[in-house]
Amino acid sequence: MAEYISSFTTGFGEIVAQALPSLLPGAGVQRVYDGLIRYAYPGNPKDIHRLPFFNNSWFLLRFFEGKNLSFHRMIPEDKLRYPISEGSFRVRFSRGNQFAGVDKRLSQRAENAIIRSSRLKPDRLNPATELWYVIRDEGFGFYGQLLQKRVSTEKNLHPGELRPEFAYLMCLCGEPKQGSVILDPFAGYGAIPMQITKHFCFKRLIANDIDPGKAQPMCEDALHLTSITDNSIDLIITDPPWGYYEEIGDIALFYESMLREFGRILKDDGRAVVLSARKEEFTRAVEKSGAFAVEMTIHTLVNGKKAGVYVLKPS
């Protein structure tokens, strides 16, 4: 059975491992690392492209373990079967989640190994496929063929807009259901509502933002959602302002007011999924509110900044 390795946003390993077998029937999880999962799948590799929470995915050609791995020792001397065996290619080297430079002789040796086993031709500028040698700090490495180039990057997003993969993972944390009434009170450019609409079942979705220029169907102050009645929302999934780029005088007071409003509109068995880079201020606000218990905390990164995804339940 073919094996694959896929990358995802750091911190979400448990969520991804739980979701993969249901979203990709027949897949068997072998190992979960920080931001990386290794699994077997007997079906069409194109099925993997449709999974909304992966950043990159590779067909696993070789797997290595050991503390002193080197790219020199990872280059195969025998012939391998490449799933994409025609067109152009280039070789990438990565160590510790960063692209690594190598000398020309090593690069040429890696290219020759591919030429011997396929009809692929080198193209270092605009290749049809990429072969990656990856060494991770955890003491393992792999050689794999990238299944598909990632289309959506930060350059395609508005400032402050969540990546679609990240927004989807936040939605998974909330576990939307067929009868759920879902609210994103800080919808911004709509990254979270878009993922809910595309991938999940629900009864009603309310997207709100105080900025009318962001074209949301509802435009109210998220701290005073007067059009939403008490105890009427099953699930809140949102990315509120962090106070880094917005004019928020007191972020702690902001969070306290936000949680007070969440407590009013959420049902007793409801849930809130909140992203925050102001982790200390947010957790203190949750404790001070007395209205919520933290069910799950996921420590992650957003645009290189440490952040947390908090799953709250009314206490």
C-alpha atoms as a PDB file:
ATOM      1  CA  MET A   1       0.000   0.000   0.000  1.00  0.00           C
ATOM      2  CA  ALA A   2       1.295   3.456  -0.915  1.00  0.00           C
ATOM      3  CA  GLU A   3       2.468   5.670   1.928  1.00  0.00           C
ATOM      4  CA  TYR A   4       2.225   9.433   2.179  1.00  0.00           C
ATOM      5  CA  ILE A   5       3.384  12.244   4.389  1.00  0.00           C
ATOM      6  CA  SER A   6       1.392  15.463   4.727  1.00  0.00           C
ATOM      7  CA  SER A   7       2.075  18.688   6.582  1.00  0.00           C
ATOM      8  CA  PHE A   8      -0.429  20.758   8.528  1.00  0.00           C
ATOM      9  CA  THR A   9      -0.470  23.645  10.966  1.00  0.00           C
ATOM     10  CA  THR A  10       1.528  22.925  14.102  1.00  0.00           C
ATOM     11  CA  GLY A  11      -0.451  21.926  17.195  1.00  0.00           C
ATOM     12  CA  PHE A  12      -3.370  20.228  15.417  1.00  0.00           C
ATOM     13  CA  GLY A  13      -1.951  16.688  15.333  1.00  0.00           C
ATOM     14  CA  GLU A  14      -4.688  15.083  17.420  1.00  0.00           C
ATOM     15  CA  ILE A  15      -7.443  16.794  15.423  1.00  0.00           C
ATOM     16  CA  VAL A  16      -5.924  15.753  12.081  1.00  0.00           C
ATOM     17  CA  ALA A  17      -5.332  12.143  13.177  1.00  0.00           C
ATOM     18  CA  GLN A  18      -8.938  11.818  14.310  1.00  0.00           C
ATOM     19  CA  ALA A  19     -10.387  13.351  11.140  1.00  0.00           C
ATOM     20  CA  LEU A  20      -8.220  11.666   8.492  1.00  0.00           C
ATOM     21  CA  PRO A  21      -9.796   8.158   8.470  1.00  0.00           C
ATOM     22  CA  SER A  22     -13.315   9.583   8.063  1.00  0.00           C
ATOM     23  CA  LEU A  23     -12.370  12.144   5.409  1.00  0.00           C
ATOM     24  CA  LEU A  24     -10.127   9.698   3.534  1.00  0.00           C
ATOM     25  CA  PRO A  25     -11.773   6.249   3.909  1.00  0.00           C
ATOM     26  CA  GLY A  26      -9.197   3.483   3.845  1.00  0.00           C
ATOM     27  CA  ALA A  27      -6.381   5.653   5.183  1.00  0.00           C
ATOM     28  CA  GLY A  28      -4.402   4.257   8.093  1.00  0.00           C
ATOM     29  CA  VAL A  29      -2.508   6.645  10.340  1.00  0.00           C
ATOM     30  CA  GLN A  30       0.997   5.365  11.114  1.00  0.00           C
ATOM     31  CA  ARG A  31       2.611   8.209  13.026  1.00  0.00           C
ATOM     32  CA  VAL A  32       1.833  11.802  13.930  1.00  0.00           C
ATOM     33  CA  TYR A  33       4.606  14.337  14.400  1.00  0.00           C
ATOM     34  CA  ASP A  34       4.535  18.078  15.056  1.00  0.00           C
ATOM     35  CA  GLY A  35       2.860  19.447  11.949  1.00  0.00           C
ATOM     36  CA  LEU A  36       3.359  16.224   9.971  1.00  0.00           C
ATOM     37  CA  ILE A  37       1.457  12.954   9.589  1.00  0.00           C
ATOM     38  CA  ARG A  38       2.547   9.665   7.992  1.00  0.00           C
ATOM     39  CA  TYR A  39      -0.195   7.368   6.698  1.00  0.00           C
ATOM     40  CA  ALA A  40      -0.999   4.610   4.203  1.00  0.00           C
ATOM     41  CA  TYR A  41      -3.727   4.970   1.599  1.00  0.00           C
ATOM     42  CA  PRO A  42      -4.763   2.469  -1.098  1.00  0.00           C
ATOM     43  CA  GLY A  43      -6.813   4.886  -3.205  1.00  0.00           C
ATOM     44  CA  ASN A  44      -6.147   7.549  -5.816  1.00  0.00           C
ATOM     45  CA  PRO A  45      -3.580  10.171  -4.693  1.00  0.00           C
ATOM     46  CA  LYS A  46      -5.877  12.838  -6.142  1.00  0.00           C
ATOM     47  CA  ASP A  47      -8.201  12.151  -3.205  1.00  0.00           C
ATOM     48  CA  ILE A  48      -5.551  13.632  -0.920  1.00  0.00           C
ATOM     49  CA  HIS A  49      -5.647  16.929  -2.811  1.00  0.00           C
ATOM     50  CA  ARG A  50      -9.243  17.446  -1.713  1.00  0.00           C
ATOM     51  CA  LEU A  51      -8.459  17.305   2.005  1.00  0.00           C
ATOM     52  CA  PRO A  52      -8.861  20.870   3.258  1.00  0.00           C
ATOM     53  CA  PHE A  53      -6.414  20.849   6.183  1.00  0.00           C
ATOM     54  CA  PHE A  54      -3.121  19.795   4.559  1.00  0.00           C
ATOM     55  CA  ASN A  55      -0.504  22.301   3.427  1.00  0.00           C
ATOM     56  CA  ASN A  56       1.695  19.947   1.378  1.00  0.00           C
ATOM     57  CA  SER A  57       1.562  16.206   0.690  1.00  0.00           C
ATOM     58  CA  TRP A  58       4.269  13.856  -0.554  1.00  0.00           C
ATOM     59  CA  PHE A  59       4.292  10.330  -1.937  1.00  0.00           C
ATOM     60  CA  LEU A  60       6.735   8.655   0.440  1.00  0.00           C
ATOM     61  CA  LEU A  61       9.672   7.127  -1.441  1.00  0.00           C
ATOM     62  CA  ARG A  62      12.028   6.480   1.489  1.00  0.00           C
ATOM     63  CA  PHE A  63      11.867   7.010   5.243  1.00  0.00           C
ATOM     64  CA  PHE A  64      14.942   7.384   7.481  1.00  0.00           C
ATOM     65  CA  GLU A  65      15.479   7.399  11.231  1.00  0.00           C
ATOM     66  CA  GLY A  66      18.555   8.391  13.203  1.00  0.00           C
ATOM     67  CA  LYS A  67      20.162  11.322  14.972  1.00  0.00           C
ATOM     68  CA  ASN A  68      22.920  11.968  12.428  1.00  0.00           C
ATOM     69  CA  LEU A  69      21.060  11.924   9.125  1.00  0.00           C
ATOM     70  CA  SER A  70      22.703  13.529   6.132  1.00  0.00           C
ATOM     71  CA  PHE A  71      21.436  14.306   2.652  1.00  0.00           C
ATOM     72  CA  HIS A  72      24.418  12.420   1.190  1.00  0.00           C
ATOM     73  CA  ARG A  73      23.254   9.140   2.747  1.00  0.00           C
ATOM     74  CA  MET A  74      19.604   9.656   1.736  1.00  0.00           C
ATOM     75  CA  ILE A  75      20.104   9.781  -2.044  1.00  0.00           C
ATOM     76  CA  PRO A  76      19.103   6.384  -3.511  1.00  0.00           C
ATOM     77  CA  GLU A  77      21.555   4.278  -5.497  1.00  0.00           C
ATOM     78  CA  ASP A  78      18.831   1.911  -6.751  1.00  0.00           C
ATOM     79  CA  LYS A  79      15.944   2.686  -9.083  1.00  0.00           C
ATOM     80  CA  LEU A  80      12.693   3.926  -7.577  1.00  0.00           C
ATOM     81  CA  ARG A  81       9.153   4.173  -8.909  1.00  0.00           C
ATOM     82  CA  TYR A  82       8.016   7.769  -9.143  1.00  0.00           C
ATOM     83  CA  PRO A  83       4.235   8.298  -9.300  1.00  0.00           C
ATOM     84  CA  ILE A  84       4.823  11.362 -11.490  1.00  0.00           C
ATOM     85  CA  SER A  85       7.474  10.073 -13.893  1.00  0.00           C
ATOM     86  CA  GLU A  86       7.195  12.406 -16.897  1.00  0.00           C
ATOM     87  CA  GLY A  87       7.706  16.138 -17.368  1.00  0.00           C
ATOM     88  CA  SER A  88      10.129  18.347 -15.502  1.00  0.00           C
ATOM     89  CA  PHE A  89      11.383  18.301 -11.909  1.00  0.00           C
ATOM     90  CA  ARG A  90      13.584  19.985  -9.373  1.00  0.00           C
ATOM     91  CA  VAL A  91      15.065  18.774  -6.103  1.00  0.00           C
ATOM     92  CA  ARG A  92      14.483  20.485  -2.766  1.00  0.00           C
ATOM     93  CA  PHE A  93      16.431  20.017   0.452  1.00  0.00           C
ATOM     94  CA  SER A  94      14.887  20.932   3.805  1.00  0.00           C
ATOM     95  CA  ARG A  95      16.333  20.716   7.319  1.00  0.00           C
ATOM     96  CA  GLY A  96      14.507  21.803  10.459  1.00  0.00           C
ATOM     97  CA  ASN A  97      11.553  23.213   8.482  1.00  0.00           C
ATOM     98  CA  GLN A  98      13.830  25.479   6.455  1.00  0.00           C
ATOM     99  CA  PHE A  99      15.110  25.100   2.910  1.00  0.00           C
ATOM    100  CA  ALA A 100      18.767  24.078   3.024  1.00  0.00           C
ATOM    101  CA  GLY A 101      21.484  24.913   0.547  1.00  0.00           C
ATOM    102  CA  VAL A 102      23.714  22.065  -0.683  1.00  0.00           C
ATOM    103  CA  ASP A 103      26.796  21.937  -2.878  1.00  0.00           C
ATOM    104  CA  LYS A 104      26.413  21.470  -6.631  1.00  0.00           C
ATOM    105  CA  ARG A 105      27.852  17.950  -6.612  1.00  0.00           C
ATOM    106  CA  LEU A 106      25.218  16.730  -4.184  1.00  0.00           C
ATOM    107  CA  SER A 107      22.453  18.448  -6.134  1.00  0.00           C
ATOM    108  CA  GLN A 108      23.693  16.888  -9.378  1.00  0.00           C
ATOM    109  CA  ARG A 109      23.877  13.465  -7.778  1.00  0.00           C
ATOM    110  CA  ALA A 110      20.288  13.786  -6.572  1.00  0.00           C
ATOM    111  CA  GLU A 111      19.141  14.824 -10.047  1.00  0.00           C
ATOM    112  CA  ASN A 112      20.970  11.920 -11.702  1.00  0.00           C
ATOM    113  CA  ALA A 113      19.264   9.447  -9.360  1.00  0.00           C
ATOM    114  CA  ILE A 114      15.892  10.680 -10.605  1.00  0.00           C
ATOM    115  CA  ILE A 115      16.904  10.669 -14.271  1.00  0.00           C
ATOM    116  CA  ARG A 116      18.000   7.025 -13.972  1.00  0.00           C
ATOM    117  CA  SER A 117      14.574   5.970 -12.695  1.00  0.00           C
ATOM    118  CA  SER A 118      12.192   8.111 -14.744  1.00  0.00           C
ATOM    119  CA  ARG A 119      11.631  10.199 -17.855  1.00  0.00           C
ATOM    120  CA  LEU A 120      11.710  13.387 -15.810  1.00  0.00           C
ATOM    121  CA  LYS A 121      13.984  16.223 -16.915  1.00  0.00           C
ATOM    122  CA  PRO A 122      15.555  18.832 -14.620  1.00  0.00           C
ATOM    123  CA  ASP A 123      14.014  22.296 -14.507  1.00  0.00           C
ATOM    124  CA  ARG A 124      15.094  24.372 -11.524  1.00  0.00           C
ATOM    125  CA  LEU A 125      12.842  27.357 -12.295  1.00  0.00           C
ATOM    126  CA  ASN A 126       9.361  26.122 -13.196  1.00  0.00           C
ATOM    127  CA  PRO A 127       9.125  22.343 -12.794  1.00  0.00           C
ATOM    128  CA  ALA A 128       6.029  20.184 -13.072  1.00  0.00           C
ATOM    129  CA  THR A 129       6.971  18.249  -9.934  1.00  0.00           C
ATOM    130  CA  GLU A 130       9.365  18.438  -6.997  1.00  0.00           C
ATOM    131  CA  LEU A 131      11.381  15.786  -5.138  1.00  0.00           C
ATOM    132  CA  TRP A 132      12.069  16.675  -1.514  1.00  0.00           C
ATOM    133  CA  TYR A 133      14.748  15.480   0.897  1.00  0.00           C
ATOM    134  CA  VAL A 134      13.596  16.420   4.388  1.00  0.00           C
ATOM    135  CA  ILE A 135      15.494  16.084   7.683  1.00  0.00           C
ATOM    136  CA  ARG A 136      13.535  16.883  10.822  1.00  0.00           C
ATOM    137  CA  ASP A 137      14.885  17.855  14.212  1.00  0.00           C
ATOM    138  CA  GLU A 138      12.961  14.986  15.849  1.00  0.00           C
ATOM    139  CA  GLY A 139      15.480  12.507  14.404  1.00  0.00           C
ATOM    140  CA  PHE A 140      13.894  11.319  11.184  1.00  0.00           C
ATOM    141  CA  GLY A 141      13.869  12.225   7.524  1.00  0.00           C
ATOM    142  CA  PHE A 142      12.185  11.273   4.287  1.00  0.00           C
ATOM    143  CA  TYR A 143      12.521  11.410   0.535  1.00  0.00           C
ATOM    144  CA  GLY A 144       9.231  12.139  -1.197  1.00  0.00           C
ATOM    145  CA  GLN A 145       7.608  13.435  -4.338  1.00  0.00           C
ATOM    146  CA  LEU A 146       5.360  16.433  -3.863  1.00  0.00           C
ATOM    147  CA  LEU A 147       1.875  15.527  -5.045  1.00  0.00           C
ATOM    148  CA  GLN A 148       0.771  19.014  -5.944  1.00  0.00           C
ATOM    149  CA  LYS A 149       2.071  22.547  -5.554  1.00  0.00           C
ATOM    150  CA  ARG A 150       0.215  24.541  -2.932  1.00  0.00           C
ATOM    151  CA  VAL A 151      -2.009  27.080  -4.662  1.00  0.00           C
ATOM    152  CA  SER A 152      -3.052  29.296  -1.774  1.00  0.00           C
ATOM    153  CA  THR A 153      -0.247  31.189  -0.038  1.00  0.00           C
ATOM    154  CA  GLU A 154      -0.065  34.191   2.255  1.00  0.00           C
ATOM    155  CA  LYS A 155       0.517  36.400  -0.808  1.00  0.00           C
ATOM    156  CA  ASN A 156      -3.017  35.600  -1.983  1.00  0.00           C
ATOM    157  CA  LEU A 157      -4.639  36.628   1.316  1.00  0.00           C
ATOM    158  CA  HIS A 158      -5.696  39.967   2.747  1.00  0.00           C
ATOM    159  CA  PRO A 159      -3.669  41.267   5.713  1.00  0.00           C
ATOM    160  CA  GLY A 160      -4.820  39.412   8.811  1.00  0.00           C
ATOM    161  CA  GLU A 161      -6.886  36.882   6.849  1.00  0.00           C
ATOM    162  CA  LEU A 162      -6.609  33.284   8.038  1.00  0.00           C
ATOM    163  CA  ARG A 163      -5.272  30.624   5.712  1.00  0.00           C
ATOM    164  CA  PRO A 164      -8.117  28.342   4.563  1.00  0.00           C
ATOM    165  CA  GLU A 165      -6.378  25.268   6.035  1.00  0.00           C
ATOM    166  CA  PHE A 166      -6.180  26.946   9.439  1.00  0.00           C
ATOM    167  CA  ALA A 167      -9.784  28.147   9.301  1.00  0.00           C
ATOM    168  CA  TYR A 168     -10.915  24.604   8.483  1.00  0.00           C
ATOM    169  CA  LEU A 169      -9.023  23.157  11.448  1.00  0.00           C
ATOM    170  CA  MET A 170     -10.694  25.675  13.749  1.00  0.00           C
ATOM    171  CA  CYS A 171     -14.067  24.547  12.395  1.00  0.00           C
ATOM    172  CA  LEU A 172     -13.154  20.905  13.081  1.00  0.00           C
ATOM    173  CA  CYS A 173     -12.498  21.839  16.714  1.00  0.00           C
ATOM    174  CA  GLY A 174     -16.066  23.094  16.995  1.00  0.00           C
ATOM    175  CA  GLU A 175     -17.613  19.915  15.564  1.00  0.00           C
ATOM    176  CA  PRO A 176     -20.508  21.549  13.633  1.00  0.00           C
ATOM    177  CA  LYS A 177     -23.635  19.418  13.337  1.00  0.00           C
ATOM    178  CA  GLN A 178     -26.642  19.251  11.053  1.00  0.00           C
ATOM    179  CA  GLY A 179     -28.824  21.293  13.403  1.00  0.00           C
ATOM    180  CA  SER A 180     -26.191  23.812  14.535  1.00  0.00           C
ATOM    181  CA  VAL A 181     -26.746  27.559  14.547  1.00  0.00           C
ATOM    182  CA  ILE A 182     -23.225  28.907  14.024  1.00  0.00           C
ATOM    183  CA  LEU A 183     -21.889  32.428  14.521  1.00  0.00           C
ATOM    184  CA  ASP A 184     -18.640  34.122  13.566  1.00  0.00           C
ATOM    185  CA  PRO A 185     -18.933  37.544  15.242  1.00  0.00           C
ATOM    186  CA  PHE A 186     -15.570  38.748  13.853  1.00  0.00           C
ATOM    187  CA  ALA A 187     -15.915  37.343  10.341  1.00  0.00           C
ATOM    188  CA  GLY A 188     -13.554  39.777   8.634  1.00  0.00           C
ATOM    189  CA  TYR A 189     -12.951  38.585   5.080  1.00  0.00           C
ATOM    190  CA  GLY A 190     -14.957  35.433   5.717  1.00  0.00           C
ATOM    191  CA  ALA A 191     -12.285  32.721   6.005  1.00  0.00           C
ATOM    192  CA  ILE A 192     -14.176  30.795   8.701  1.00  0.00           C
ATOM    193  CA  PRO A 193     -17.697  31.161   7.221  1.00  0.00           C
ATOM    194  CA  MET A 194     -16.323  30.083   3.854  1.00  0.00           C
ATOM    195  CA  GLN A 195     -14.949  26.838   5.278  1.00  0.00           C
ATOM    196  CA  ILE A 196     -18.170  26.144   7.159  1.00  0.00           C
ATOM    197  CA  THR A 197     -20.233  26.686   4.014  1.00  0.00           C
ATOM    198  CA  LYS A 198     -17.984  24.519   1.835  1.00  0.00           C
ATOM    199  CA  HIS A 199     -17.342  21.576   4.138  1.00  0.00           C
ATOM    200  CA  PHE A 200     -19.805  21.285   7.024  1.00  0.00           C
ATOM    201  CA  CYS A 201     -23.476  20.661   7.733  1.00  0.00           C
ATOM    202  CA  PHE A 202     -25.390  23.250   9.755  1.00  0.00           C
ATOM    203  CA  LYS A 203     -28.832  24.763  10.204  1.00  0.00           C
ATOM    204  CA  ARG A 204     -27.923  28.456  10.070  1.00  0.00           C
ATOM    205  CA  LEU A 205     -24.722  30.448   9.701  1.00  0.00           C
ATOM    206  CA  ILE A 206     -24.411  34.043  10.887  1.00  0.00           C
ATOM    207  CA  ALA A 207     -21.362  36.004   9.727  1.00  0.00           C
ATOM    208  CA  ASN A 208     -20.863  39.395  11.372  1.00  0.00           C
ATOM    209  CA  ASP A 209     -18.239  42.141  11.211  1.00  0.00           C
ATOM    210  CA  ILE A 210     -18.306  45.730  12.392  1.00  0.00           C
ATOM    211  CA  ASP A 211     -16.446  46.851   9.245  1.00  0.00           C
ATOM    212  CA  PRO A 212     -19.084  47.328   6.512  1.00  0.00           C
ATOM    213  CA  GLY A 213     -16.334  47.365   3.894  1.00  0.00           C
ATOM    214  CA  LYS A 214     -15.823  43.628   4.384  1.00  0.00           C
ATOM    215  CA  ALA A 215     -19.249  42.863   2.900  1.00  0.00           C
ATOM    216  CA  GLN A 216     -20.682  40.648   5.631  1.00  0.00           C
ATOM    217  CA  PRO A 217     -24.436  39.925   5.772  1.00  0.00           C
ATOM    218  CA  MET A 218     -24.585  41.273   9.344  1.00  0.00           C
ATOM    219  CA  CYS A 219     -22.822  44.376  10.652  1.00  0.00           C
ATOM    220  CA  GLU A 220     -22.921  44.874  14.420  1.00  0.00           C
ATOM    221  CA  ASP A 221     -20.504  45.483  17.241  1.00  0.00           C
ATOM    222  CA  ALA A 222     -19.542  41.963  18.332  1.00  0.00           C
ATOM    223  CA  LEU A 223     -19.586  43.125  21.950  1.00  0.00           C
ATOM    224  CA  HIS A 224     -23.248  44.140  21.596  1.00  0.00           C
ATOM    225  CA  LEU A 225     -25.021  41.724  19.265  1.00  0.00           C
ATOM    226  CA  THR A 226     -28.471  43.200  19.786  1.00  0.00           C
ATOM    227  CA  SER A 227     -30.096  41.253  16.945  1.00  0.00           C
ATOM    228  CA  ILE A 228     -29.140  37.882  18.495  1.00  0.00           C
ATOM    229  CA  THR A 229     -31.383  36.636  21.280  1.00  0.00           C
ATOM    230  CA  ASP A 230     -30.231  35.011  24.507  1.00  0.00           C
ATOM    231  CA  ASN A 231     -29.290  31.319  24.455  1.00  0.00           C
ATOM    232  CA  SER A 232     -29.803  30.974  20.699  1.00  0.00           C
ATOM    233  CA  ILE A 233     -26.344  30.027  19.353  1.00  0.00           C
ATOM    234  CA  ASP A 234     -24.976  26.480  19.321  1.00  0.00           C
ATOM    235  CA  LEU A 235     -21.465  27.251  18.157  1.00  0.00           C
ATOM    236  CA  ILE A 236     -19.182  30.290  17.915  1.00  0.00           C
ATOM    237  CA  ILE A 237     -16.039  29.990  15.801  1.00  0.00           C
ATOM    238  CA  THR A 238     -14.060  33.196  15.500  1.00  0.00           C
ATOM    239  CA  ASP A 239     -10.759  35.052  15.219  1.00  0.00           C
ATOM    240  CA  PRO A 240     -11.228  38.264  17.233  1.00  0.00           C
ATOM    241  CA  PRO A 241      -8.814  41.210  16.963  1.00  0.00           C
ATOM    242  CA  TRP A 242      -5.474  40.633  18.666  1.00  0.00           C
ATOM    243  CA  GLY A 243      -4.811  44.253  19.483  1.00  0.00           C
ATOM    244  CA  TYR A 244      -1.592  44.337  17.440  1.00  0.00           C
ATOM    245  CA  TYR A 245      -2.953  46.085  14.375  1.00  0.00           C
ATOM    246  CA  GLU A 246      -6.281  47.406  15.663  1.00  0.00           C
ATOM    247  CA  GLU A 247      -6.922  50.286  18.040  1.00  0.00           C
ATOM    248  CA  ILE A 248      -7.946  48.407  21.173  1.00  0.00           C
ATOM    249  CA  GLY A 249      -7.028  50.337  24.272  1.00  0.00           C
ATOM    250  CA  ASP A 250      -7.368  47.519  26.797  1.00  0.00           C
ATOM    251  CA  ILE A 251      -7.280  44.020  25.300  1.00  0.00           C
ATOM    252  CA  ALA A 252      -8.127  42.390  28.644  1.00  0.00           C
ATOM    253  CA  LEU A 253     -11.265  44.509  28.988  1.00  0.00           C
ATOM    254  CA  PHE A 254     -12.104  43.750  25.356  1.00  0.00           C
ATOM    255  CA  TYR A 255     -11.915  40.006  25.993  1.00  0.00           C
ATOM    256  CA  GLU A 256     -13.988  40.311  29.165  1.00  0.00           C
ATOM    257  CA  SER A 257     -16.737  42.157  27.278  1.00  0.00           C
ATOM    258  CA  MET A 258     -16.571  39.668  24.414  1.00  0.00           C
ATOM    259  CA  LEU A 259     -16.908  36.656  26.719  1.00  0.00           C
ATOM    260  CA  ARG A 260     -19.787  38.278  28.558  1.00  0.00           C
ATOM    261  CA  GLU A 261     -21.657  38.616  25.267  1.00  0.00           C
ATOM    262  CA  PHE A 262     -20.732  35.076  24.247  1.00  0.00           C
ATOM    263  CA  GLY A 263     -22.121  33.834  27.544  1.00  0.00           C
ATOM    264  CA  ARG A 264     -25.406  35.596  26.868  1.00  0.00           C
ATOM    265  CA  ILE A 265     -26.024  34.236  23.363  1.00  0.00           C
ATOM    266  CA  LEU A 266     -24.622  30.698  23.687  1.00  0.00           C
ATOM    267  CA  LYS A 267     -26.881  27.814  24.619  1.00  0.00           C
ATOM    268  CA  ASP A 268     -26.086  25.968  27.829  1.00  0.00           C
ATOM    269  CA  ASP A 269     -24.631  23.078  25.814  1.00  0.00           C
ATOM    270  CA  GLY A 270     -22.982  25.390  23.282  1.00  0.00           C
ATOM    271  CA  ARG A 271     -19.324  25.804  22.467  1.00  0.00           C
ATOM    272  CA  ALA A 272     -16.965  28.598  21.429  1.00  0.00           C
ATOM    273  CA  VAL A 273     -13.762  28.191  19.425  1.00  0.00           C
ATOM    274  CA  VAL A 274     -11.580  31.287  19.731  1.00  0.00           C
ATOM    275  CA  LEU A 275      -8.167  32.115  18.257  1.00  0.00           C
ATOM    276  CA  SER A 276      -5.918  34.479  20.191  1.00  0.00           C
ATOM    277  CA  ALA A 277      -2.290  35.540  20.083  1.00  0.00           C
ATOM    278  CA  ARG A 278      -2.759  37.347  23.401  1.00  0.00           C
ATOM    279  CA  LYS A 279      -2.775  34.078  25.277  1.00  0.00           C
ATOM    280  CA  GLU A 280      -2.150  35.355  28.815  1.00  0.00           C
ATOM    281  CA  GLU A 281      -4.762  38.096  28.575  1.00  0.00           C
ATOM    282  CA  PHE A 282      -7.309  35.728  27.060  1.00  0.00           C
ATOM    283  CA  THR A 283      -6.888  32.935  29.601  1.00  0.00           C
ATOM    284  CA  ARG A 284      -7.112  35.453  32.463  1.00  0.00           C
ATOM    285  CA  ALA A 285     -10.298  36.856  30.943  1.00  0.00           C
ATOM    286  CA  VAL A 286     -11.773  33.341  30.730  1.00  0.00           C
ATOM    287  CA  GLU A 287     -10.943  32.683  34.389  1.00  0.00           C
ATOM    288  CA  LYS A 288     -12.303  36.058  35.457  1.00  0.00           C
ATOM    289  CA  SER A 289     -15.551  35.558  33.555  1.00  0.00           C
ATOM    290  CA  GLY A 290     -16.470  32.441  35.521  1.00  0.00           C
ATOM    291  CA  ALA A 291     -18.856  31.618  32.679  1.00  0.00           C
ATOM    292  CA  PHE A 292     -16.632  29.256  30.689  1.00  0.00           C
ATOM    293  CA  ALA A 293     -14.376  26.260  31.133  1.00  0.00           C
ATOM    294  CA  VAL A 294     -11.519  25.596  28.714  1.00  0.00           C
ATOM    295  CA  GLU A 295     -12.228  22.224  27.121  1.00  0.00           C
ATOM    296  CA  MET A 296      -9.177  22.203  24.838  1.00  0.00           C
ATOM    297  CA  THR A 297      -6.171  24.408  24.128  1.00  0.00           C
ATOM    298  CA  ILE A 298      -4.130  24.091  20.946  1.00  0.00           C
ATOM    299  CA  HIS A 299      -0.811  25.922  20.954  1.00  0.00           C
ATOM    300  CA  THR A 300       0.012  26.913  17.394  1.00  0.00           C
ATOM    301  CA  LEU A 301       1.545  29.554  15.123  1.00  0.00           C
ATOM    302  CA  VAL A 302      -0.159  32.147  12.935  1.00  0.00           C
ATOM    303  CA  ASN A 303       2.111  34.032  10.547  1.00  0.00           C
ATOM    304  CA  GLY A 304       5.045  33.126  12.778  1.00  0.00           C
ATOM    305  CA  LYS A 305       3.382  34.405  15.957  1.00  0.00           C
ATOM    306  CA  LYS A 306       2.600  32.131  18.884  1.00  0.00           C
ATOM    307  CA  ALA A 307      -1.133  31.765  19.286  1.00  0.00           C
ATOM    308  CA  GLY A 308      -3.721  29.528  20.879  1.00  0.00           C
ATOM    309  CA  VAL A 309      -6.997  28.032  19.749  1.00  0.00           C
ATOM    310  CA  TYR A 310      -9.303  27.716  22.748  1.00  0.00           C
ATOM    311  CA  VAL A 311     -12.395  25.528  22.844  1.00  0.00           C
ATOM    312  CA  LEU A 312     -14.726  26.878  25.541  1.00  0.00           C
ATOM    313  CA  LYS A 313     -17.879  25.405  27.067  1.00  0.00           C
ATOM    314  CA  PRO A 314     -20.262  27.226  29.395  1.00  0.00           C
ATOM    315  CA  SER A 315     -19.520  26.241  32.985  1.00  0.00           C
END
